[in-house]
Amino acid sequence: MSSDQHKPTSRSVTAEPCTCGYLQRAVDDPDTPIQFDQRCGEYHFVYGDALLVIYHCPFCGGAAPPSIRESLFFHPSEDERNRLRDLFRDSRTVDDVIDKFGPPDWVSPVTRKSDEADATPPTVSFSRALVYQRLSDVADVHVDECADGQARVSLQGKRRPHRPA
């Protein structure tokens, strides 16, 4: 394997590219569930509204072409990440976050389930996940309510505007 080849996923066993052409033939065959997404440069198994990214050719096992999905999203600079981190520095709980920034742009209930372990019965807990889209031009701020009531803050790059091919 040459040094410029990278495995498609951390679990991949090869970076050797597919050379058999099966994936493109499957895309060209309307009777297979394989489609090519031009925007991401990815092959997908598609069933109804669900899809699964194909990282390796199901025929020869070679690596599918590298995805360009990462280019569809902004990548916040270190300065922007630090700015947003500093905004949330004193916000320990979801209620602290709401008090400081007002209602989120998006809120979703979260249900967490744990399996039985060491004679402890399974549990179900409920919390909230918030998203603030208005705090940055390049990142959405996700705030998850942890089981102990603390807020966990993470950033997700915003989708770049779609440019027609």
N, C-alpha and C. Protein backbone atom coordinates (compact mmCIF):
# COMPACT_ATOMS: atom_id res chain seq x y z
N MET A 1 0.86 -1.17 0.00
CA MET A 1 0.00 0.00 0.00
C MET A 1 0.90 1.22 0.00
N SER A 2 0.64 2.15 -0.92
CA SER A 2 1.45 3.36 -0.97
C SER A 2 1.08 4.29 0.17
N SER A 3 1.99 5.20 0.50
CA SER A 3 1.78 6.08 1.65
C SER A 3 0.65 7.07 1.43
N ASP A 4 0.25 7.31 0.17
CA ASP A 4 -0.84 8.26 -0.07
C ASP A 4 -2.21 7.61 -0.06
N GLN A 5 -2.28 6.29 0.15
CA GLN A 5 -3.56 5.60 0.24
C GLN A 5 -4.01 5.57 1.69
N HIS A 6 -5.28 5.85 1.91
CA HIS A 6 -5.83 5.83 3.26
C HIS A 6 -7.02 4.88 3.28
N LYS A 7 -7.15 4.15 4.37
CA LYS A 7 -8.29 3.25 4.52
C LYS A 7 -9.57 4.07 4.62
N PRO A 8 -10.66 3.59 4.00
CA PRO A 8 -11.93 4.32 4.04
C PRO A 8 -12.49 4.52 5.44
N THR A 9 -12.29 3.56 6.33
CA THR A 9 -12.75 3.68 7.72
C THR A 9 -11.67 3.11 8.63
N SER A 10 -11.79 3.38 9.91
CA SER A 10 -10.80 2.85 10.86
C SER A 10 -10.86 1.33 10.94
N ARG A 11 -11.97 0.73 10.55
CA ARG A 11 -12.13 -0.73 10.60
C ARG A 11 -11.76 -1.41 9.28
N SER A 12 -11.48 -0.63 8.24
CA SER A 12 -11.14 -1.20 6.94
C SER A 12 -9.84 -2.00 7.04
N VAL A 13 -9.78 -3.08 6.29
CA VAL A 13 -8.57 -3.90 6.28
C VAL A 13 -7.70 -3.62 5.06
N THR A 14 -8.19 -2.79 4.15
CA THR A 14 -7.39 -2.47 2.97
C THR A 14 -7.71 -1.06 2.48
N ALA A 15 -6.73 -0.49 1.81
CA ALA A 15 -6.93 0.78 1.12
C ALA A 15 -6.82 0.55 -0.39
N GLU A 16 -6.56 -0.70 -0.77
CA GLU A 16 -6.45 -1.01 -2.20
C GLU A 16 -7.77 -0.70 -2.88
N PRO A 17 -7.75 0.12 -3.92
CA PRO A 17 -9.00 0.52 -4.56
C PRO A 17 -9.66 -0.61 -5.35
N CYS A 18 -10.96 -0.50 -5.47
CA CYS A 18 -11.72 -1.42 -6.32
C CYS A 18 -11.32 -1.16 -7.76
N THR A 19 -11.01 -2.22 -8.48
CA THR A 19 -10.67 -2.07 -9.90
C THR A 19 -11.58 -2.91 -10.79
N CYS A 20 -12.55 -3.62 -10.18
CA CYS A 20 -13.39 -4.53 -10.97
C CYS A 20 -14.54 -3.82 -11.67
N GLY A 21 -14.89 -2.61 -11.23
CA GLY A 21 -15.96 -1.86 -11.89
C GLY A 21 -17.37 -2.24 -11.47
N TYR A 22 -17.50 -3.15 -10.49
CA TYR A 22 -18.83 -3.61 -10.11
C TYR A 22 -19.73 -2.47 -9.64
N LEU A 23 -19.22 -1.57 -8.81
CA LEU A 23 -20.08 -0.52 -8.25
C LEU A 23 -20.73 0.32 -9.36
N GLN A 24 -19.96 0.72 -10.36
CA GLN A 24 -20.54 1.53 -11.44
C GLN A 24 -21.53 0.70 -12.25
N ARG A 25 -21.22 -0.57 -12.50
CA ARG A 25 -22.17 -1.42 -13.23
C ARG A 25 -23.47 -1.55 -12.44
N ALA A 26 -23.37 -1.67 -11.12
CA ALA A 26 -24.56 -1.79 -10.28
C ALA A 26 -25.39 -0.51 -10.33
N VAL A 27 -24.74 0.64 -10.35
CA VAL A 27 -25.45 1.93 -10.47
C VAL A 27 -26.21 1.98 -11.79
N ASP A 28 -25.60 1.48 -12.84
CA ASP A 28 -26.22 1.51 -14.16
C ASP A 28 -27.36 0.51 -14.31
N ASP A 29 -27.47 -0.44 -13.38
CA ASP A 29 -28.52 -1.46 -13.42
C ASP A 29 -29.68 -1.03 -12.52
N PRO A 30 -30.85 -0.71 -13.09
CA PRO A 30 -31.97 -0.23 -12.28
C PRO A 30 -32.53 -1.28 -11.31
N ASP A 31 -32.11 -2.53 -11.44
CA ASP A 31 -32.61 -3.58 -10.55
C ASP A 31 -31.77 -3.76 -9.28
N THR A 32 -30.71 -2.97 -9.11
CA THR A 32 -29.91 -3.07 -7.88
C THR A 32 -30.21 -1.86 -7.00
N PRO A 33 -30.02 -2.01 -5.68
CA PRO A 33 -30.27 -0.90 -4.76
C PRO A 33 -29.08 0.04 -4.60
N ILE A 34 -28.09 -0.07 -5.50
CA ILE A 34 -26.89 0.77 -5.38
C ILE A 34 -27.05 2.02 -6.23
N GLN A 35 -26.79 3.17 -5.60
CA GLN A 35 -26.85 4.47 -6.29
C GLN A 35 -25.57 5.24 -6.00
N PHE A 36 -25.26 6.18 -6.88
CA PHE A 36 -24.10 7.05 -6.68
C PHE A 36 -24.59 8.44 -6.35
N ASP A 37 -24.10 9.01 -5.26
CA ASP A 37 -24.44 10.37 -4.84
C ASP A 37 -23.34 11.30 -5.33
N GLN A 38 -23.66 12.08 -6.35
CA GLN A 38 -22.70 12.98 -6.98
C GLN A 38 -22.16 14.02 -5.99
N ARG A 39 -23.04 14.54 -5.11
CA ARG A 39 -22.61 15.59 -4.17
C ARG A 39 -21.52 15.09 -3.23
N CYS A 40 -21.65 13.86 -2.76
CA CYS A 40 -20.70 13.31 -1.79
C CYS A 40 -19.61 12.47 -2.44
N GLY A 41 -19.82 12.10 -3.69
CA GLY A 41 -18.88 11.21 -4.34
C GLY A 41 -18.89 9.82 -3.72
N GLU A 42 -20.08 9.37 -3.30
CA GLU A 42 -20.20 8.10 -2.58
C GLU A 42 -21.19 7.16 -3.27
N TYR A 43 -20.90 5.88 -3.14
CA TYR A 43 -21.87 4.86 -3.52
C TYR A 43 -22.69 4.52 -2.28
N HIS A 44 -23.99 4.28 -2.48
CA HIS A 44 -24.89 3.96 -1.37
C HIS A 44 -25.74 2.75 -1.71
N PHE A 45 -26.04 1.92 -0.70
CA PHE A 45 -27.16 0.99 -0.79
C PHE A 45 -28.37 1.81 -0.38
N VAL A 46 -29.42 1.85 -1.19
CA VAL A 46 -30.60 2.66 -0.90
C VAL A 46 -31.83 1.76 -0.84
N TYR A 47 -32.55 1.88 0.28
CA TYR A 47 -33.81 1.15 0.48
C TYR A 47 -34.82 2.14 1.01
N GLY A 48 -35.79 2.54 0.19
CA GLY A 48 -36.77 3.53 0.62
C GLY A 48 -36.08 4.82 1.00
N ASP A 49 -36.33 5.30 2.21
CA ASP A 49 -35.70 6.54 2.68
C ASP A 49 -34.36 6.28 3.36
N ALA A 50 -33.97 5.02 3.51
CA ALA A 50 -32.73 4.69 4.21
C ALA A 50 -31.59 4.50 3.22
N LEU A 51 -30.38 4.82 3.68
CA LEU A 51 -29.21 4.55 2.85
C LEU A 51 -28.05 4.12 3.72
N LEU A 52 -27.14 3.40 3.11
CA LEU A 52 -25.94 2.92 3.78
C LEU A 52 -24.77 3.23 2.85
N VAL A 53 -23.78 3.96 3.36
CA VAL A 53 -22.61 4.29 2.55
C VAL A 53 -21.81 3.02 2.29
N ILE A 54 -21.37 2.84 1.06
CA ILE A 54 -20.55 1.69 0.68
C ILE A 54 -19.08 2.12 0.71
N TYR A 55 -18.32 1.51 1.59
CA TYR A 55 -16.89 1.82 1.71
C TYR A 55 -16.02 0.85 0.93
N HIS A 56 -16.56 -0.36 0.66
CA HIS A 56 -15.80 -1.38 -0.06
C HIS A 56 -16.72 -2.06 -1.06
N CYS A 57 -16.18 -2.40 -2.20
CA CYS A 57 -16.94 -3.10 -3.23
C CYS A 57 -17.41 -4.45 -2.70
N PRO A 58 -18.71 -4.74 -2.82
CA PRO A 58 -19.21 -6.03 -2.32
C PRO A 58 -18.75 -7.20 -3.18
N PHE A 59 -18.20 -6.94 -4.37
CA PHE A 59 -17.76 -8.02 -5.25
C PHE A 59 -16.29 -8.38 -5.03
N CYS A 60 -15.41 -7.36 -5.09
CA CYS A 60 -13.97 -7.65 -4.99
C CYS A 60 -13.36 -7.24 -3.65
N GLY A 61 -14.08 -6.46 -2.84
CA GLY A 61 -13.56 -6.04 -1.54
C GLY A 61 -12.66 -4.83 -1.58
N GLY A 62 -12.39 -4.32 -2.77
CA GLY A 62 -11.54 -3.13 -2.88
C GLY A 62 -12.24 -1.90 -2.33
N ALA A 63 -11.45 -0.91 -1.96
CA ALA A 63 -12.00 0.33 -1.39
C ALA A 63 -12.76 1.11 -2.46
N ALA A 64 -13.91 1.62 -2.06
CA ALA A 64 -14.68 2.52 -2.94
C ALA A 64 -13.92 3.84 -3.03
N PRO A 65 -14.22 4.67 -4.03
CA PRO A 65 -13.53 5.96 -4.13
C PRO A 65 -13.73 6.78 -2.86
N PRO A 66 -12.75 7.61 -2.51
CA PRO A 66 -12.89 8.41 -1.28
C PRO A 66 -14.07 9.38 -1.37
N SER A 67 -14.75 9.53 -0.26
CA SER A 67 -15.88 10.45 -0.17
C SER A 67 -15.39 11.89 -0.15
N ILE A 68 -16.24 12.79 -0.65
CA ILE A 68 -15.95 14.22 -0.53
C ILE A 68 -16.98 14.88 0.39
N ARG A 69 -17.67 14.06 1.18
CA ARG A 69 -18.71 14.54 2.09
C ARG A 69 -18.19 15.67 2.99
N GLU A 70 -16.97 15.53 3.47
CA GLU A 70 -16.40 16.52 4.39
C GLU A 70 -16.40 17.93 3.77
N SER A 71 -16.27 18.01 2.46
CA SER A 71 -16.22 19.32 1.79
C SER A 71 -17.59 20.00 1.75
N LEU A 72 -18.65 19.30 2.12
CA LEU A 72 -19.99 19.88 2.11
C LEU A 72 -20.26 20.73 3.34
N PHE A 73 -19.36 20.69 4.33
CA PHE A 73 -19.58 21.38 5.60
C PHE A 73 -18.44 22.33 5.91
N PHE A 74 -18.78 23.42 6.60
CA PHE A 74 -17.76 24.33 7.09
C PHE A 74 -16.97 23.64 8.21
N HIS A 75 -15.73 24.07 8.38
CA HIS A 75 -14.87 23.59 9.46
C HIS A 75 -14.48 24.80 10.28
N PRO A 76 -15.08 24.96 11.47
CA PRO A 76 -14.80 26.15 12.28
C PRO A 76 -13.31 26.27 12.59
N SER A 77 -12.80 27.48 12.46
CA SER A 77 -11.39 27.74 12.77
C SER A 77 -11.15 27.56 14.27
N GLU A 78 -9.89 27.48 14.64
CA GLU A 78 -9.56 27.38 16.07
C GLU A 78 -10.07 28.60 16.82
N ASP A 79 -9.95 29.79 16.21
CA ASP A 79 -10.45 31.01 16.86
C ASP A 79 -11.95 30.93 17.10
N GLU A 80 -12.69 30.42 16.11
CA GLU A 80 -14.14 30.32 16.26
C GLU A 80 -14.50 29.27 17.31
N ARG A 81 -13.80 28.16 17.32
CA ARG A 81 -14.05 27.13 18.34
C ARG A 81 -13.78 27.69 19.73
N ASN A 82 -12.70 28.43 19.88
CA ASN A 82 -12.38 29.04 21.18
C ASN A 82 -13.42 30.08 21.58
N ARG A 83 -13.88 30.88 20.62
CA ARG A 83 -14.90 31.89 20.91
C ARG A 83 -16.17 31.23 21.43
N LEU A 84 -16.61 30.18 20.75
CA LEU A 84 -17.83 29.49 21.17
C LEU A 84 -17.64 28.78 22.50
N ARG A 85 -16.48 28.18 22.70
CA ARG A 85 -16.20 27.53 23.99
C ARG A 85 -16.28 28.56 25.11
N ASP A 86 -15.70 29.74 24.89
CA ASP A 86 -15.72 30.79 25.92
C ASP A 86 -17.14 31.27 26.21
N LEU A 87 -18.00 31.31 25.19
CA LEU A 87 -19.39 31.71 25.41
C LEU A 87 -20.09 30.78 26.40
N PHE A 88 -19.74 29.51 26.38
CA PHE A 88 -20.43 28.51 27.20
C PHE A 88 -19.66 28.15 28.47
N ARG A 89 -18.55 28.84 28.71
CA ARG A 89 -17.67 28.49 29.83
C ARG A 89 -18.40 28.38 31.17
N ASP A 90 -19.31 29.30 31.47
CA ASP A 90 -19.99 29.30 32.77
C ASP A 90 -21.36 28.62 32.75
N SER A 91 -21.71 28.00 31.66
CA SER A 91 -23.01 27.33 31.55
C SER A 91 -22.84 25.86 31.90
N ARG A 92 -23.27 25.50 33.09
CA ARG A 92 -23.08 24.13 33.57
C ARG A 92 -24.25 23.21 33.25
N THR A 93 -25.46 23.76 33.18
CA THR A 93 -26.66 22.95 32.93
C THR A 93 -27.38 23.48 31.70
N VAL A 94 -28.31 22.68 31.19
CA VAL A 94 -29.12 23.12 30.06
C VAL A 94 -29.91 24.37 30.44
N ASP A 95 -30.42 24.42 31.66
CA ASP A 95 -31.15 25.62 32.09
C ASP A 95 -30.24 26.85 32.11
N ASP A 96 -28.96 26.69 32.51
CA ASP A 96 -28.01 27.81 32.44
C ASP A 96 -27.88 28.31 31.00
N VAL A 97 -27.80 27.37 30.07
CA VAL A 97 -27.65 27.72 28.65
C VAL A 97 -28.87 28.49 28.17
N ILE A 98 -30.06 28.00 28.50
CA ILE A 98 -31.30 28.67 28.07
C ILE A 98 -31.41 30.04 28.71
N ASP A 99 -31.03 30.17 29.98
CA ASP A 99 -31.05 31.48 30.65
C ASP A 99 -30.13 32.47 29.95
N LYS A 100 -28.97 32.00 29.49
CA LYS A 100 -27.99 32.89 28.87
C LYS A 100 -28.30 33.22 27.42
N PHE A 101 -28.75 32.23 26.64
CA PHE A 101 -28.91 32.42 25.19
C PHE A 101 -30.36 32.45 24.72
N GLY A 102 -31.29 32.22 25.62
CA GLY A 102 -32.69 32.19 25.23
C GLY A 102 -33.06 30.84 24.67
N PRO A 103 -34.29 30.74 24.14
CA PRO A 103 -34.74 29.45 23.61
C PRO A 103 -33.84 28.99 22.46
N PRO A 104 -33.60 27.69 22.38
CA PRO A 104 -32.79 27.17 21.28
C PRO A 104 -33.55 27.25 19.96
N ASP A 105 -32.81 27.13 18.87
CA ASP A 105 -33.44 27.08 17.54
C ASP A 105 -34.12 25.74 17.31
N TRP A 106 -33.67 24.75 18.03
CA TRP A 106 -34.21 23.41 17.86
C TRP A 106 -34.05 22.68 19.18
N VAL A 107 -35.07 21.93 19.59
CA VAL A 107 -34.99 21.13 20.81
C VAL A 107 -35.63 19.77 20.53
N SER A 108 -35.04 18.75 21.09
CA SER A 108 -35.56 17.40 20.88
C SER A 108 -35.48 16.62 22.18
N PRO A 109 -36.52 15.85 22.48
CA PRO A 109 -36.42 14.96 23.64
C PRO A 109 -35.46 13.81 23.33
N VAL A 110 -34.75 13.37 24.33
CA VAL A 110 -33.81 12.26 24.18
C VAL A 110 -34.20 11.17 25.18
N THR A 111 -34.26 9.95 24.72
CA THR A 111 -34.53 8.80 25.59
C THR A 111 -33.29 7.91 25.59
N ARG A 112 -32.76 7.64 26.75
CA ARG A 112 -31.60 6.76 26.88
C ARG A 112 -32.03 5.49 27.61
N LYS A 113 -31.60 4.37 27.06
CA LYS A 113 -31.92 3.08 27.67
C LYS A 113 -30.62 2.38 28.01
N SER A 114 -30.60 1.73 29.17
CA SER A 114 -29.44 0.91 29.52
C SER A 114 -29.91 -0.52 29.74
N ASP A 115 -29.05 -1.44 29.39
CA ASP A 115 -29.37 -2.86 29.56
C ASP A 115 -29.12 -3.27 31.01
N GLU A 116 -29.70 -4.38 31.36
CA GLU A 116 -29.46 -4.97 32.68
C GLU A 116 -27.98 -5.32 32.79
N ALA A 117 -27.39 -5.04 33.95
CA ALA A 117 -25.98 -5.36 34.16
C ALA A 117 -25.74 -5.62 35.64
N ASP A 118 -25.03 -6.70 35.93
CA ASP A 118 -24.66 -7.02 37.32
C ASP A 118 -25.83 -6.90 38.28
N ALA A 119 -26.92 -7.55 37.96
CA ALA A 119 -28.13 -7.59 38.80
C ALA A 119 -28.79 -6.22 38.96
N THR A 120 -28.44 -5.28 38.10
CA THR A 120 -29.10 -3.97 38.09
C THR A 120 -30.12 -3.99 36.96
N PRO A 121 -31.35 -3.61 37.24
CA PRO A 121 -32.37 -3.67 36.19
C PRO A 121 -32.09 -2.64 35.09
N PRO A 122 -32.64 -2.87 33.90
CA PRO A 122 -32.49 -1.88 32.84
C PRO A 122 -33.15 -0.57 33.25
N THR A 123 -32.65 0.52 32.74
CA THR A 123 -33.22 1.83 33.06
C THR A 123 -33.54 2.60 31.79
N VAL A 124 -34.46 3.53 31.93
CA VAL A 124 -34.80 4.46 30.86
C VAL A 124 -34.73 5.85 31.47
N SER A 125 -34.01 6.76 30.81
CA SER A 125 -33.95 8.14 31.30
C SER A 125 -34.29 9.09 30.16
N PHE A 126 -34.76 10.26 30.53
CA PHE A 126 -35.21 11.24 29.56
C PHE A 126 -34.45 12.54 29.77
N SER A 127 -34.10 13.20 28.68
CA SER A 127 -33.41 14.49 28.76
C SER A 127 -33.70 15.28 27.48
N ARG A 128 -32.93 16.35 27.27
CA ARG A 128 -33.14 17.22 26.11
C ARG A 128 -31.85 17.38 25.33
N ALA A 129 -32.02 17.61 24.05
CA ALA A 129 -30.91 18.00 23.18
C ALA A 129 -31.31 19.32 22.53
N LEU A 130 -30.44 20.31 22.63
CA LEU A 130 -30.72 21.64 22.08
C LEU A 130 -29.74 21.94 20.96
N VAL A 131 -30.18 22.75 20.00
CA VAL A 131 -29.28 23.23 18.95
C VAL A 131 -29.47 24.73 18.81
N TYR A 132 -28.34 25.45 18.87
CA TYR A 132 -28.32 26.89 18.62
C TYR A 132 -27.61 27.11 17.28
N GLN A 133 -28.37 27.61 16.30
CA GLN A 133 -27.83 27.85 14.97
C GLN A 133 -27.38 29.29 14.79
N ARG A 134 -27.88 30.19 15.60
CA ARG A 134 -27.68 31.63 15.40
C ARG A 134 -26.41 32.18 16.04
N LEU A 135 -25.64 31.35 16.73
CA LEU A 135 -24.47 31.85 17.45
C LEU A 135 -23.21 31.90 16.60
N SER A 136 -23.26 31.28 15.42
CA SER A 136 -22.08 31.23 14.56
C SER A 136 -22.51 31.12 13.10
N ASP A 137 -21.73 31.71 12.22
CA ASP A 137 -22.00 31.58 10.78
C ASP A 137 -21.54 30.24 10.22
N VAL A 138 -20.62 29.57 10.92
CA VAL A 138 -20.04 28.35 10.37
C VAL A 138 -20.29 27.09 11.19
N ALA A 139 -20.86 27.24 12.39
CA ALA A 139 -21.07 26.06 13.24
C ALA A 139 -22.40 26.15 13.97
N ASP A 140 -23.04 25.01 14.14
CA ASP A 140 -24.19 24.89 15.03
C ASP A 140 -23.66 24.40 16.37
N VAL A 141 -24.23 24.93 17.45
CA VAL A 141 -23.82 24.53 18.79
C VAL A 141 -24.86 23.55 19.33
N HIS A 142 -24.42 22.34 19.64
CA HIS A 142 -25.29 21.30 20.18
C HIS A 142 -25.07 21.22 21.68
N VAL A 143 -26.15 21.21 22.43
CA VAL A 143 -26.08 21.13 23.88
C VAL A 143 -26.90 19.92 24.31
N ASP A 144 -26.23 18.93 24.88
CA ASP A 144 -26.90 17.72 25.35
C ASP A 144 -26.98 17.73 26.86
N GLU A 145 -28.14 17.38 27.36
CA GLU A 145 -28.33 17.27 28.80
C GLU A 145 -27.88 15.88 29.24
N CYS A 146 -26.89 15.83 30.10
CA CYS A 146 -26.36 14.56 30.59
C CYS A 146 -27.24 14.01 31.71
N ALA A 147 -27.05 12.75 32.04
CA ALA A 147 -27.85 12.10 33.08
C ALA A 147 -27.72 12.81 34.43
N ASP A 148 -26.57 13.43 34.68
CA ASP A 148 -26.37 14.12 35.96
C ASP A 148 -26.85 15.57 35.93
N GLY A 149 -27.50 15.97 34.82
CA GLY A 149 -28.03 17.33 34.70
C GLY A 149 -27.06 18.33 34.09
N GLN A 150 -25.82 17.93 33.91
CA GLN A 150 -24.82 18.82 33.32
C GLN A 150 -25.06 18.96 31.81
N ALA A 151 -24.58 20.07 31.26
CA ALA A 151 -24.68 20.31 29.83
C ALA A 151 -23.37 19.90 29.15
N ARG A 152 -23.48 19.17 28.06
CA ARG A 152 -22.31 18.84 27.24
C ARG A 152 -22.45 19.58 25.93
N VAL A 153 -21.48 20.40 25.60
CA VAL A 153 -21.54 21.26 24.42
C VAL A 153 -20.62 20.71 23.34
N SER A 154 -21.12 20.65 22.11
CA SER A 154 -20.30 20.24 20.98
C SER A 154 -20.64 21.12 19.78
N LEU A 155 -19.74 21.15 18.82
CA LEU A 155 -19.93 21.96 17.62
C LEU A 155 -20.04 21.05 16.41
N GLN A 156 -20.88 21.49 15.47
CA GLN A 156 -21.01 20.77 14.21
C GLN A 156 -20.96 21.81 13.09
N GLY A 157 -20.05 21.60 12.14
CA GLY A 157 -19.96 22.53 11.02
C GLY A 157 -21.26 22.61 10.26
N LYS A 158 -21.64 23.83 9.89
CA LYS A 158 -22.87 24.02 9.11
C LYS A 158 -22.65 23.55 7.68
N ARG A 159 -23.75 23.16 7.07
CA ARG A 159 -23.70 22.75 5.67
C ARG A 159 -23.38 23.97 4.80
N ARG A 160 -22.45 23.78 3.87
CA ARG A 160 -22.13 24.85 2.91
C ARG A 160 -23.31 25.02 1.96
N PRO A 161 -23.51 26.22 1.44
CA PRO A 161 -24.59 26.41 0.46
C PRO A 161 -24.38 25.48 -0.74
N HIS A 162 -25.46 24.91 -1.23
CA HIS A 162 -25.39 23.98 -2.37
C HIS A 162 -25.04 24.75 -3.63
N ARG A 163 -24.04 24.25 -4.33
CA ARG A 163 -23.66 24.84 -5.61
C ARG A 163 -23.97 23.83 -6.70
N PRO A 164 -24.91 24.16 -7.58
CA PRO A 164 -25.25 23.22 -8.66
C PRO A 164 -24.02 22.91 -9.51
N ALA A 165 -23.95 21.67 -9.96
CA ALA A 165 -22.79 21.24 -10.77
C ALA A 165 -22.81 21.86 -12.14
